[in-house]
């Protein structure tokens, strides 16, 4: 998966289209990601101990990784991710629009 934890992403489709957020978790086995502040749902949590009440918890649910595009830090536009070989024969991620390293 080309996306990494901590990347700033832009949502391109779905109910949160147009919003931006930071990646909190990546689930590569199912091709999904969890983004901070995006796709939030309320979950009911049971009381763990006697005397403590149950509560509603706001949880960020995973969304498909194909529904987001990375935001380039240098040109501030959202674009696809490309690769080029950097120094010491390793691949580096680059912005497809401005060719800057991500």
PDB file of N, CA and C in Angstrom:
ATOM      1  N   UNK A   1       0.848  -1.179   0.000  1.00  0.00           N
ATOM      2  CA  UNK A   1       0.000   0.000   0.000  1.00  0.00           C
ATOM      3  C   UNK A   1       0.894   1.241   0.000  1.00  0.00           C
ATOM      4  N   UNK A   2       0.555   2.197  -0.843  1.00  0.00           N
ATOM      5  CA  UNK A   2       1.388   3.387  -1.016  1.00  0.00           C
ATOM      6  C   UNK A   2       1.239   4.401   0.105  1.00  0.00           C
ATOM      7  N   UNK A   3       0.136   4.362   0.835  1.00  0.00           N
ATOM      8  CA  UNK A   3      -0.110   5.315   1.919  1.00  0.00           C
ATOM      9  C   UNK A   3       0.591   4.867   3.192  1.00  0.00           C
ATOM     10  N   UNK A   4       0.987   5.826   4.009  1.00  0.00           N
ATOM     11  CA  UNK A   4       1.667   5.546   5.275  1.00  0.00           C
ATOM     12  C   UNK A   4       0.931   6.231   6.421  1.00  0.00           C
ATOM     13  N   UNK A   5       1.137   5.718   7.625  1.00  0.00           N
ATOM     14  CA  UNK A   5       0.547   6.316   8.819  1.00  0.00           C
ATOM     15  C   UNK A   5       1.111   7.728   8.990  1.00  0.00           C
ATOM     16  N   UNK A   6       0.233   8.691   9.258  1.00  0.00           N
ATOM     17  CA  UNK A   6       0.659  10.076   9.445  1.00  0.00           C
ATOM     18  C   UNK A   6       0.551  10.933   8.198  1.00  0.00           C
ATOM     19  N   UNK A   7       0.264  10.333   7.040  1.00  0.00           N
ATOM     20  CA  UNK A   7       0.094  11.105   5.804  1.00  0.00           C
ATOM     21  C   UNK A   7      -1.169  11.954   5.878  1.00  0.00           C
ATOM     22  N   UNK A   8      -1.107  13.135   5.289  1.00  0.00           N
ATOM     23  CA  UNK A   8      -2.282  14.000   5.164  1.00  0.00           C
ATOM     24  C   UNK A   8      -2.994  13.601   3.879  1.00  0.00           C
ATOM     25  N   UNK A   9      -4.299  13.277   3.974  1.00  0.00           N
ATOM     26  CA  UNK A   9      -5.038  12.818   2.801  1.00  0.00           C
ATOM     27  C   UNK A   9      -6.296  13.649   2.579  1.00  0.00           C
ATOM     28  N   UNK A  10      -6.772  13.635   1.343  1.00  0.00           N
ATOM     29  CA  UNK A  10      -7.985  14.336   0.915  1.00  0.00           C
ATOM     30  C   UNK A  10      -8.984  13.273   0.476  1.00  0.00           C
ATOM     31  N   UNK A  11     -10.225  13.351   0.957  1.00  0.00           N
ATOM     32  CA  UNK A  11     -11.256  12.381   0.611  1.00  0.00           C
ATOM     33  C   UNK A  11     -11.865  12.782  -0.733  1.00  0.00           C
ATOM     34  N   UNK A  12     -11.851  11.861  -1.712  1.00  0.00           N
ATOM     35  CA  UNK A  12     -12.338  12.190  -3.055  1.00  0.00           C
ATOM     36  C   UNK A  12     -13.718  11.621  -3.354  1.00  0.00           C
ATOM     37  N   UNK A  13     -14.226  10.700  -2.527  1.00  0.00           N
ATOM     38  CA  UNK A  13     -15.578  10.190  -2.749  1.00  0.00           C
ATOM     39  C   UNK A  13     -16.166   9.690  -1.445  1.00  0.00           C
ATOM     40  N   UNK A  14     -17.484   9.617  -1.407  1.00  0.00           N
ATOM     41  CA  UNK A  14     -18.181   9.166  -0.212  1.00  0.00           C
ATOM     42  C   UNK A  14     -18.861  10.319   0.497  1.00  0.00           C
ATOM     43  N   UNK A  15     -19.402  10.026   1.685  1.00  0.00           N
ATOM     44  CA  UNK A  15     -20.168  11.052   2.405  1.00  0.00           C
ATOM     45  C   UNK A  15     -19.299  12.182   2.944  1.00  0.00           C
ATOM     46  N   UNK A  16     -18.005  11.944   3.127  1.00  0.00           N
ATOM     47  CA  UNK A  16     -17.084  12.966   3.631  1.00  0.00           C
ATOM     48  C   UNK A  16     -16.242  13.582   2.515  1.00  0.00           C
ATOM     49  N   UNK A  17     -16.740  13.566   1.297  1.00  0.00           N
ATOM     50  CA  UNK A  17     -16.010  14.078   0.140  1.00  0.00           C
ATOM     51  C   UNK A  17     -15.593  15.531   0.359  1.00  0.00           C
ATOM     52  N   UNK A  18     -14.319  15.837   0.058  1.00  0.00           N
ATOM     53  CA  UNK A  18     -13.815  17.200   0.177  1.00  0.00           C
ATOM     54  C   UNK A  18     -13.096  17.485   1.481  1.00  0.00           C
ATOM     55  N   UNK A  19     -13.210  16.603   2.468  1.00  0.00           N
ATOM     56  CA  UNK A  19     -12.559  16.828   3.763  1.00  0.00           C
ATOM     57  C   UNK A  19     -11.129  16.294   3.730  1.00  0.00           C
ATOM     58  N   UNK A  20     -10.324  16.779   4.679  1.00  0.00           N
ATOM     59  CA  UNK A  20      -8.944  16.321   4.799  1.00  0.00           C
ATOM     60  C   UNK A  20      -8.679  15.857   6.214  1.00  0.00           C
ATOM     61  N   UNK A  21      -7.732  14.951   6.364  1.00  0.00           N
ATOM     62  CA  UNK A  21      -7.366  14.451   7.679  1.00  0.00           C
ATOM     63  C   UNK A  21      -6.073  13.665   7.619  1.00  0.00           C
ATOM     64  N   UNK A  22      -5.599  13.266   8.796  1.00  0.00           N
ATOM     65  CA  UNK A  22      -4.355  12.527   8.920  1.00  0.00           C
ATOM     66  C   UNK A  22      -4.660  11.046   9.137  1.00  0.00           C
ATOM     67  N   UNK A  23      -3.881  10.172   8.523  1.00  0.00           N
ATOM     68  CA  UNK A  23      -4.095   8.733   8.651  1.00  0.00           C
ATOM     69  C   UNK A  23      -3.677   8.277  10.046  1.00  0.00           C
ATOM     70  N   UNK A  24      -4.600   7.592  10.746  1.00  0.00           N
ATOM     71  CA  UNK A  24      -4.320   7.060  12.074  1.00  0.00           C
ATOM     72  C   UNK A  24      -3.869   5.607  12.018  1.00  0.00           C
ATOM     73  N   UNK A  25      -4.535   4.815  11.174  1.00  0.00           N
ATOM     74  CA  UNK A  25      -4.239   3.387  11.077  1.00  0.00           C
ATOM     75  C   UNK A  25      -4.381   2.927   9.637  1.00  0.00           C
ATOM     76  N   UNK A  26      -3.601   1.907   9.280  1.00  0.00           N
ATOM     77  CA  UNK A  26      -3.702   1.310   7.958  1.00  0.00           C
ATOM     78  C   UNK A  26      -4.017  -0.167   8.130  1.00  0.00           C
ATOM     79  N   UNK A  27      -4.989  -0.650   7.358  1.00  0.00           N
ATOM     80  CA  UNK A  27      -5.372  -2.060   7.384  1.00  0.00           C
ATOM     81  C   UNK A  27      -5.089  -2.646   5.993  1.00  0.00           C
ATOM     82  N   UNK A  28      -3.826  -3.035   5.707  1.00  0.00           N
ATOM     83  CA  UNK A  28      -3.466  -3.452   4.348  1.00  0.00           C
ATOM     84  C   UNK A  28      -4.118  -4.759   3.899  1.00  0.00           C
ATOM     85  N   UNK A  29      -4.461  -5.629   4.841  1.00  0.00           N
ATOM     86  CA  UNK A  29      -5.053  -6.912   4.451  1.00  0.00           C
ATOM     87  C   UNK A  29      -6.448  -6.756   3.854  1.00  0.00           C
ATOM     88  N   UNK A  30      -7.147  -5.676   4.184  1.00  0.00           N
ATOM     89  CA  UNK A  30      -8.475  -5.416   3.618  1.00  0.00           C
ATOM     90  C   UNK A  30      -8.495  -4.157   2.745  1.00  0.00           C
ATOM     91  N   UNK A  31      -7.353  -3.468   2.608  1.00  0.00           N
ATOM     92  CA  UNK A  31      -7.266  -2.287   1.750  1.00  0.00           C
ATOM     93  C   UNK A  31      -7.999  -1.079   2.286  1.00  0.00           C
ATOM     94  N   UNK A  32      -8.009  -0.914   3.611  1.00  0.00           N
ATOM     95  CA  UNK A  32      -8.731   0.205   4.221  1.00  0.00           C
ATOM     96  C   UNK A  32      -7.799   1.014   5.109  1.00  0.00           C
ATOM     97  N   UNK A  33      -8.221   2.261   5.389  1.00  0.00           N
ATOM     98  CA  UNK A  33      -7.473   3.145   6.280  1.00  0.00           C
ATOM     99  C   UNK A  33      -8.442   3.828   7.232  1.00  0.00           C
ATOM    100  N   UNK A  34      -7.904   4.283   8.372  1.00  0.00           N
ATOM    101  CA  UNK A  34      -8.684   5.052   9.342  1.00  0.00           C
ATOM    102  C   UNK A  34      -8.098   6.458   9.359  1.00  0.00           C
ATOM    103  N   UNK A  35      -8.957   7.458   9.102  1.00  0.00           N
ATOM    104  CA  UNK A  35      -8.520   8.853   9.018  1.00  0.00           C
ATOM    105  C   UNK A  35      -9.130   9.634  10.175  1.00  0.00           C
ATOM    106  N   UNK A  36      -8.324  10.485  10.807  1.00  0.00           N
ATOM    107  CA  UNK A  36      -8.766  11.278  11.954  1.00  0.00           C
ATOM    108  C   UNK A  36      -9.857  12.262  11.539  1.00  0.00           C
ATOM    109  N   UNK A  37     -11.012  12.187  12.208  1.00  0.00           N
ATOM    110  CA  UNK A  37     -12.106  13.112  11.961  1.00  0.00           C
ATOM    111  C   UNK A  37     -13.009  12.751  10.793  1.00  0.00           C
ATOM    112  N   UNK A  38     -12.737  11.651  10.119  1.00  0.00           N
ATOM    113  CA  UNK A  38     -13.507  11.251   8.942  1.00  0.00           C
ATOM    114  C   UNK A  38     -14.225   9.932   9.224  1.00  0.00           C
ATOM    115  N   UNK A  39     -15.461   9.805   8.739  1.00  0.00           N
ATOM    116  CA  UNK A  39     -16.268   8.589   8.867  1.00  0.00           C
ATOM    117  C   UNK A  39     -16.490   8.219  10.336  1.00  0.00           C
ATOM    118  N   UNK A  40     -16.854   9.201  11.144  1.00  0.00           N
ATOM    119  CA  UNK A  40     -17.092   8.973  12.570  1.00  0.00           C
ATOM    120  C   UNK A  40     -18.488   8.406  12.781  1.00  0.00           C
ATOM    121  N   UNK A  41     -18.585   7.431  13.679  1.00  0.00           N
ATOM    122  CA  UNK A  41     -19.865   6.841  14.024  1.00  0.00           C
ATOM    123  C   UNK A  41     -19.938   6.698  15.535  1.00  0.00           C
ATOM    124  N   UNK A  42     -21.154   6.733  16.059  1.00  0.00           N
ATOM    125  CA  UNK A  42     -21.356   6.561  17.494  1.00  0.00           C
ATOM    126  C   UNK A  42     -21.561   5.081  17.790  1.00  0.00           C
ATOM    127  N   UNK A  43     -20.795   4.561  18.742  1.00  0.00           N
ATOM    128  CA  UNK A  43     -20.921   3.175  19.166  1.00  0.00           C
ATOM    129  C   UNK A  43     -21.335   3.165  20.628  1.00  0.00           C
ATOM    130  N   UNK A  44     -22.222   2.256  20.983  1.00  0.00           N
ATOM    131  CA  UNK A  44     -22.644   2.111  22.369  1.00  0.00           C
ATOM    132  C   UNK A  44     -21.682   1.170  23.073  1.00  0.00           C
ATOM    133  N   UNK A  45     -21.174   1.619  24.221  1.00  0.00           N
ATOM    134  CA  UNK A  45     -20.228   0.814  24.982  1.00  0.00           C
ATOM    135  C   UNK A  45     -20.880   0.403  26.292  1.00  0.00           C
ATOM    136  N   UNK A  46     -20.832  -0.879  26.590  1.00  0.00           N
ATOM    137  CA  UNK A  46     -21.427  -1.377  27.823  1.00  0.00           C
ATOM    138  C   UNK A  46     -20.575  -0.971  29.018  1.00  0.00           C
ATOM    139  N   UNK A  47     -21.201  -0.987  30.191  1.00  0.00           N
ATOM    140  CA  UNK A  47     -20.443  -0.657  31.397  1.00  0.00           C
ATOM    141  C   UNK A  47     -19.509  -1.817  31.717  1.00  0.00           C
ATOM    142  N   UNK A  48     -18.297  -1.515  32.070  1.00  0.00           N
ATOM    143  CA  UNK A  48     -17.299  -2.540  32.381  1.00  0.00           C
ATOM    144  C   UNK A  48     -17.404  -2.992  33.838  1.00  0.00           C
ATOM    145  N   UNK A  49     -17.644  -2.066  34.718  1.00  0.00           N
ATOM    146  CA  UNK A  49     -17.735  -2.375  36.151  1.00  0.00           C
ATOM    147  C   UNK A  49     -19.119  -2.039  36.660  1.00  0.00           C
ATOM    148  N   UNK A  50     -19.439  -2.625  37.767  1.00  0.00           N
ATOM    149  CA  UNK A  50     -20.712  -2.294  38.391  1.00  0.00           C
ATOM    150  C   UNK A  50     -20.621  -0.879  38.955  1.00  0.00           C
ATOM    151  N   UNK A  51     -21.658  -0.123  38.776  1.00  0.00           N
ATOM    152  CA  UNK A  51     -21.666   1.264  39.255  1.00  0.00           C
ATOM    153  C   UNK A  51     -21.280   2.260  38.179  1.00  0.00           C
ATOM    154  N   UNK A  52     -20.601   1.793  37.132  1.00  0.00           N
ATOM    155  CA  UNK A  52     -20.243   2.693  36.031  1.00  0.00           C
ATOM    156  C   UNK A  52     -21.281   2.527  34.925  1.00  0.00           C
ATOM    157  N   UNK A  53     -21.705   3.640  34.348  1.00  0.00           N
ATOM    158  CA  UNK A  53     -22.727   3.606  33.311  1.00  0.00           C
ATOM    159  C   UNK A  53     -22.117   3.308  31.945  1.00  0.00           C
ATOM    160  N   UNK A  54     -22.970   2.779  31.080  1.00  0.00           N
ATOM    161  CA  UNK A  54     -22.583   2.637  29.688  1.00  0.00           C
ATOM    162  C   UNK A  54     -22.569   4.012  29.033  1.00  0.00           C
ATOM    163  N   UNK A  55     -21.924   4.109  27.890  1.00  0.00           N
ATOM    164  CA  UNK A  55     -21.820   5.411  27.246  1.00  0.00           C
ATOM    165  C   UNK A  55     -21.764   5.259  25.728  1.00  0.00           C
ATOM    166  N   UNK A  56     -21.945   6.372  25.047  1.00  0.00           N
ATOM    167  CA  UNK A  56     -21.778   6.420  23.603  1.00  0.00           C
ATOM    168  C   UNK A  56     -20.361   6.900  23.319  1.00  0.00           C
ATOM    169  N   UNK A  57     -19.668   6.195  22.447  1.00  0.00           N
ATOM    170  CA  UNK A  57     -18.294   6.533  22.112  1.00  0.00           C
ATOM    171  C   UNK A  57     -18.230   6.864  20.623  1.00  0.00           C
ATOM    172  N   UNK A  58     -17.568   7.946  20.287  1.00  0.00           N
ATOM    173  CA  UNK A  58     -17.380   8.339  18.888  1.00  0.00           C
ATOM    174  C   UNK A  58     -16.155   7.600  18.354  1.00  0.00           C
ATOM    175  N   UNK A  59     -16.361   6.801  17.311  1.00  0.00           N
ATOM    176  CA  UNK A  59     -15.298   5.978  16.759  1.00  0.00           C
ATOM    177  C   UNK A  59     -15.115   6.299  15.282  1.00  0.00           C
ATOM    178  N   UNK A  60     -13.866   6.334  14.826  1.00  0.00           N
ATOM    179  CA  UNK A  60     -13.579   6.563  13.416  1.00  0.00           C
ATOM    180  C   UNK A  60     -13.476   5.208  12.734  1.00  0.00           C
ATOM    181  N   UNK A  61     -14.368   4.975  11.782  1.00  0.00           N
ATOM    182  CA  UNK A  61     -14.444   3.691  11.099  1.00  0.00           C
ATOM    183  C   UNK A  61     -13.562   3.710   9.846  1.00  0.00           C
ATOM    184  N   UNK A  62     -13.088   2.528   9.430  1.00  0.00           N
ATOM    185  CA  UNK A  62     -12.225   2.465   8.243  1.00  0.00           C
ATOM    186  C   UNK A  62     -12.972   2.824   6.964  1.00  0.00           C
ATOM    187  N   UNK A  63     -12.237   3.391   6.016  1.00  0.00           N
ATOM    188  CA  UNK A  63     -12.795   3.640   4.704  1.00  0.00           C
ATOM    189  C   UNK A  63     -11.822   3.112   3.662  1.00  0.00           C
ATOM    190  N   UNK A  64     -12.316   2.879   2.470  1.00  0.00           N
ATOM    191  CA  UNK A  64     -11.511   2.273   1.426  1.00  0.00           C
ATOM    192  C   UNK A  64     -10.361   3.201   1.028  1.00  0.00           C
ATOM    193  N   UNK A  65      -9.166   2.626   0.883  1.00  0.00           N
ATOM    194  CA  UNK A  65      -7.983   3.422   0.559  1.00  0.00           C
ATOM    195  C   UNK A  65      -8.069   4.045  -0.833  1.00  0.00           C
ATOM    196  N   UNK A  66      -8.907   3.481  -1.706  1.00  0.00           N
ATOM    197  CA  UNK A  66      -9.037   4.041  -3.055  1.00  0.00           C
ATOM    198  C   UNK A  66      -9.851   5.328  -3.064  1.00  0.00           C
ATOM    199  N   UNK A  67     -10.497   5.662  -1.952  1.00  0.00           N
ATOM    200  CA  UNK A  67     -11.321   6.873  -1.874  1.00  0.00           C
ATOM    201  C   UNK A  67     -10.548   8.093  -1.390  1.00  0.00           C
ATOM    202  N   UNK A  68      -9.237   7.976  -1.215  1.00  0.00           N
ATOM    203  CA  UNK A  68      -8.437   9.106  -0.736  1.00  0.00           C
ATOM    204  C   UNK A  68      -7.258   9.358  -1.668  1.00  0.00           C
ATOM    205  N   UNK A  69      -6.780  10.609  -1.651  1.00  0.00           N
ATOM    206  CA  UNK A  69      -5.562  10.983  -2.363  1.00  0.00           C
ATOM    207  C   UNK A  69      -4.669  11.732  -1.388  1.00  0.00           C
ATOM    208  N   UNK A  70      -3.376  11.556  -1.533  1.00  0.00           N
ATOM    209  CA  UNK A  70      -2.430  12.189  -0.619  1.00  0.00           C
ATOM    210  C   UNK A  70      -2.314  13.682  -0.940  1.00  0.00           C
ATOM    211  N   UNK A  71      -2.094  14.492   0.100  1.00  0.00           N
ATOM    212  CA  UNK A  71      -1.899  15.936  -0.062  1.00  0.00           C
ATOM    213  C   UNK A  71      -0.399  16.203  -0.020  1.00  0.00           C
ATOM    214  N   UNK A  72       0.124  16.779  -1.095  1.00  0.00           N
ATOM    215  CA  UNK A  72       1.551  17.093  -1.181  1.00  0.00           C
ATOM    216  C   UNK A  72       1.855  18.275  -0.257  1.00  0.00           C
ATOM    217  N   UNK A  73       2.922  18.175   0.512  1.00  0.00           N
ATOM    218  CA  UNK A  73       3.280  19.238   1.451  1.00  0.00           C
ATOM    219  C   UNK A  73       3.922  20.434   0.747  1.00  0.00           C
ATOM    220  N   UNK A  74       4.534  20.219  -0.417  1.00  0.00           N
ATOM    221  CA  UNK A  74       5.202  21.338  -1.079  1.00  0.00           C
ATOM    222  C   UNK A  74       4.256  22.143  -1.976  1.00  0.00           C
ATOM    223  N   UNK A  75       3.399  21.470  -2.761  1.00  0.00           N
ATOM    224  CA  UNK A  75       2.506  22.216  -3.659  1.00  0.00           C
ATOM    225  C   UNK A  75       1.095  22.369  -3.089  1.00  0.00           C
ATOM    226  N   UNK A  76       0.800  21.731  -1.956  1.00  0.00           N
ATOM    227  CA  UNK A  76      -0.493  21.827  -1.255  1.00  0.00           C
ATOM    228  C   UNK A  76      -1.677  21.358  -2.108  1.00  0.00           C
ATOM    229  N   UNK A  77      -1.415  20.509  -3.110  1.00  0.00           N
ATOM    230  CA  UNK A  77      -2.474  19.937  -3.936  1.00  0.00           C
ATOM    231  C   UNK A  77      -2.568  18.447  -3.635  1.00  0.00           C
ATOM    232  N   UNK A  78      -3.734  17.862  -3.904  1.00  0.00           N
ATOM    233  CA  UNK A  78      -3.825  16.422  -3.721  1.00  0.00           C
ATOM    234  C   UNK A  78      -3.522  15.740  -5.045  1.00  0.00           C
ATOM    235  N   UNK A  79      -2.743  14.667  -4.973  1.00  0.00           N
ATOM    236  CA  UNK A  79      -2.303  14.001  -6.191  1.00  0.00           C
ATOM    237  C   UNK A  79      -2.061  12.520  -5.926  1.00  0.00           C
ATOM    238  N   UNK A  80      -1.725  11.813  -6.995  1.00  0.00           N
ATOM    239  CA  UNK A  80      -1.371  10.409  -6.869  1.00  0.00           C
ATOM    240  C   UNK A  80       0.077  10.302  -6.412  1.00  0.00           C
ATOM    241  N   UNK A  81       0.464   9.091  -6.039  1.00  0.00           N
ATOM    242  CA  UNK A  81       1.820   8.847  -5.558  1.00  0.00           C
ATOM    243  C   UNK A  81       2.601   8.119  -6.637  1.00  0.00           C
ATOM    244  N   UNK A  82       3.809   8.619  -6.916  1.00  0.00           N
ATOM    245  CA  UNK A  82       4.713   7.942  -7.835  1.00  0.00           C
ATOM    246  C   UNK A  82       5.970   7.540  -7.089  1.00  0.00           C
ATOM    247  N   UNK A  83       6.813   6.782  -7.741  1.00  0.00           N
ATOM    248  CA  UNK A  83       8.069   6.354  -7.135  1.00  0.00           C
ATOM    249  C   UNK A  83       9.216   6.697  -8.063  1.00  0.00           C
ATOM    250  N   UNK A  84      10.358   7.034  -7.479  1.00  0.00           N
ATOM    251  CA  UNK A  84      11.587   7.152  -8.252  1.00  0.00           C
ATOM    252  C   UNK A  84      12.719   6.660  -7.373  1.00  0.00           C
ATOM    253  N   UNK A  85      13.798   6.249  -8.007  1.00  0.00           N
ATOM    254  CA  UNK A  85      14.915   5.718  -7.230  1.00  0.00           C
ATOM    255  C   UNK A  85      15.732   6.884  -6.689  1.00  0.00           C
ATOM    256  N   UNK A  86      15.943   6.860  -5.388  1.00  0.00           N
ATOM    257  CA  UNK A  86      16.701   7.915  -4.734  1.00  0.00           C
ATOM    258  C   UNK A  86      18.145   7.495  -4.551  1.00  0.00           C
ATOM    259  N   UNK A  87      18.821   8.165  -3.647  1.00  0.00           N
ATOM    260  CA  UNK A  87      20.205   7.794  -3.365  1.00  0.00           C
ATOM    261  C   UNK A  87      20.240   6.462  -2.616  1.00  0.00           C
ATOM    262  N   UNK A  88      21.366   5.787  -2.665  1.00  0.00           N
ATOM    263  CA  UNK A  88      21.578   4.490  -2.007  1.00  0.00           C
ATOM    264  C   UNK A  88      20.605   3.426  -2.516  1.00  0.00           C
ATOM    265  N   UNK A  89      20.194   3.540  -3.762  1.00  0.00           N
ATOM    266  CA  UNK A  89      19.354   2.540  -4.441  1.00  0.00           C
ATOM    267  C   UNK A  89      18.069   2.211  -3.694  1.00  0.00           C
ATOM    268  N   UNK A  90      17.393   3.215  -3.145  1.00  0.00           N
ATOM    269  CA  UNK A  90      16.104   2.962  -2.501  1.00  0.00           C
ATOM    270  C   UNK A  90      15.025   3.785  -3.186  1.00  0.00           C
ATOM    271  N   UNK A  91      13.808   3.277  -3.142  1.00  0.00           N
ATOM    272  CA  UNK A  91      12.690   3.975  -3.770  1.00  0.00           C
ATOM    273  C   UNK A  91      12.170   5.054  -2.836  1.00  0.00           C
ATOM    274  N   UNK A  92      11.818   6.200  -3.395  1.00  0.00           N
ATOM    275  CA  UNK A  92      11.199   7.268  -2.616  1.00  0.00           C
ATOM    276  C   UNK A  92       9.861   7.618  -3.258  1.00  0.00           C
ATOM    277  N   UNK A  93       8.897   7.995  -2.441  1.00  0.00           N
ATOM    278  CA  UNK A  93       7.583   8.403  -2.931  1.00  0.00           C
ATOM    279  C   UNK A  93       7.654   9.847  -3.396  1.00  0.00           C
ATOM    280  N   UNK A  94       7.037  10.129  -4.538  1.00  0.00           N
ATOM    281  CA  UNK A  94       7.037  11.488  -5.081  1.00  0.00           C
ATOM    282  C   UNK A  94       5.617  11.884  -5.470  1.00  0.00           C
ATOM    283  N   UNK A  95       5.370  13.178  -5.446  1.00  0.00           N
ATOM    284  CA  UNK A  95       4.102  13.750  -5.902  1.00  0.00           C
ATOM    285  C   UNK A  95       4.087  13.702  -7.427  1.00  0.00           C
ATOM    286  N   UNK A  96       2.982  13.252  -8.014  1.00  0.00           N
ATOM    287  CA  UNK A  96       2.885  13.162  -9.474  1.00  0.00           C
ATOM    288  C   UNK A  96       2.754  14.533 -10.131  1.00  0.00           C
ATOM    289  N   UNK A  97       2.331  15.555  -9.379  1.00  0.00           N
ATOM    290  CA  UNK A  97       2.131  16.882  -9.969  1.00  0.00           C
ATOM    291  C   UNK A  97       3.404  17.722  -9.962  1.00  0.00           C
ATOM    292  N   UNK A  98       4.138  17.723  -8.828  1.00  0.00           N
ATOM    293  CA  UNK A  98       5.308  18.605  -8.738  1.00  0.00           C
ATOM    294  C   UNK A  98       6.631  17.848  -8.598  1.00  0.00           C
ATOM    295  N   UNK A  99       6.580  16.524  -8.557  1.00  0.00           N
ATOM    296  CA  UNK A  99       7.767  15.662  -8.453  1.00  0.00           C
ATOM    297  C   UNK A  99       8.567  15.862  -7.167  1.00  0.00           C
ATOM    298  N   UNK A 100       7.959  16.442  -6.128  1.00  0.00           N
ATOM    299  CA  UNK A 100       8.636  16.617  -4.842  1.00  0.00           C
ATOM    300  C   UNK A 100       8.519  15.329  -4.024  1.00  0.00           C
ATOM    301  N   UNK A 101       9.513  15.079  -3.182  1.00  0.00           N
ATOM    302  CA  UNK A 101       9.474  13.893  -2.321  1.00  0.00           C
ATOM    303  C   UNK A 101       8.402  14.048  -1.259  1.00  0.00           C
ATOM    304  N   UNK A 102       7.742  12.936  -0.958  1.00  0.00           N
ATOM    305  CA  UNK A 102       6.697  12.949   0.064  1.00  0.00           C
ATOM    306  C   UNK A 102       7.249  12.443   1.382  1.00  0.00           C
TER     307      UNK A 102
END
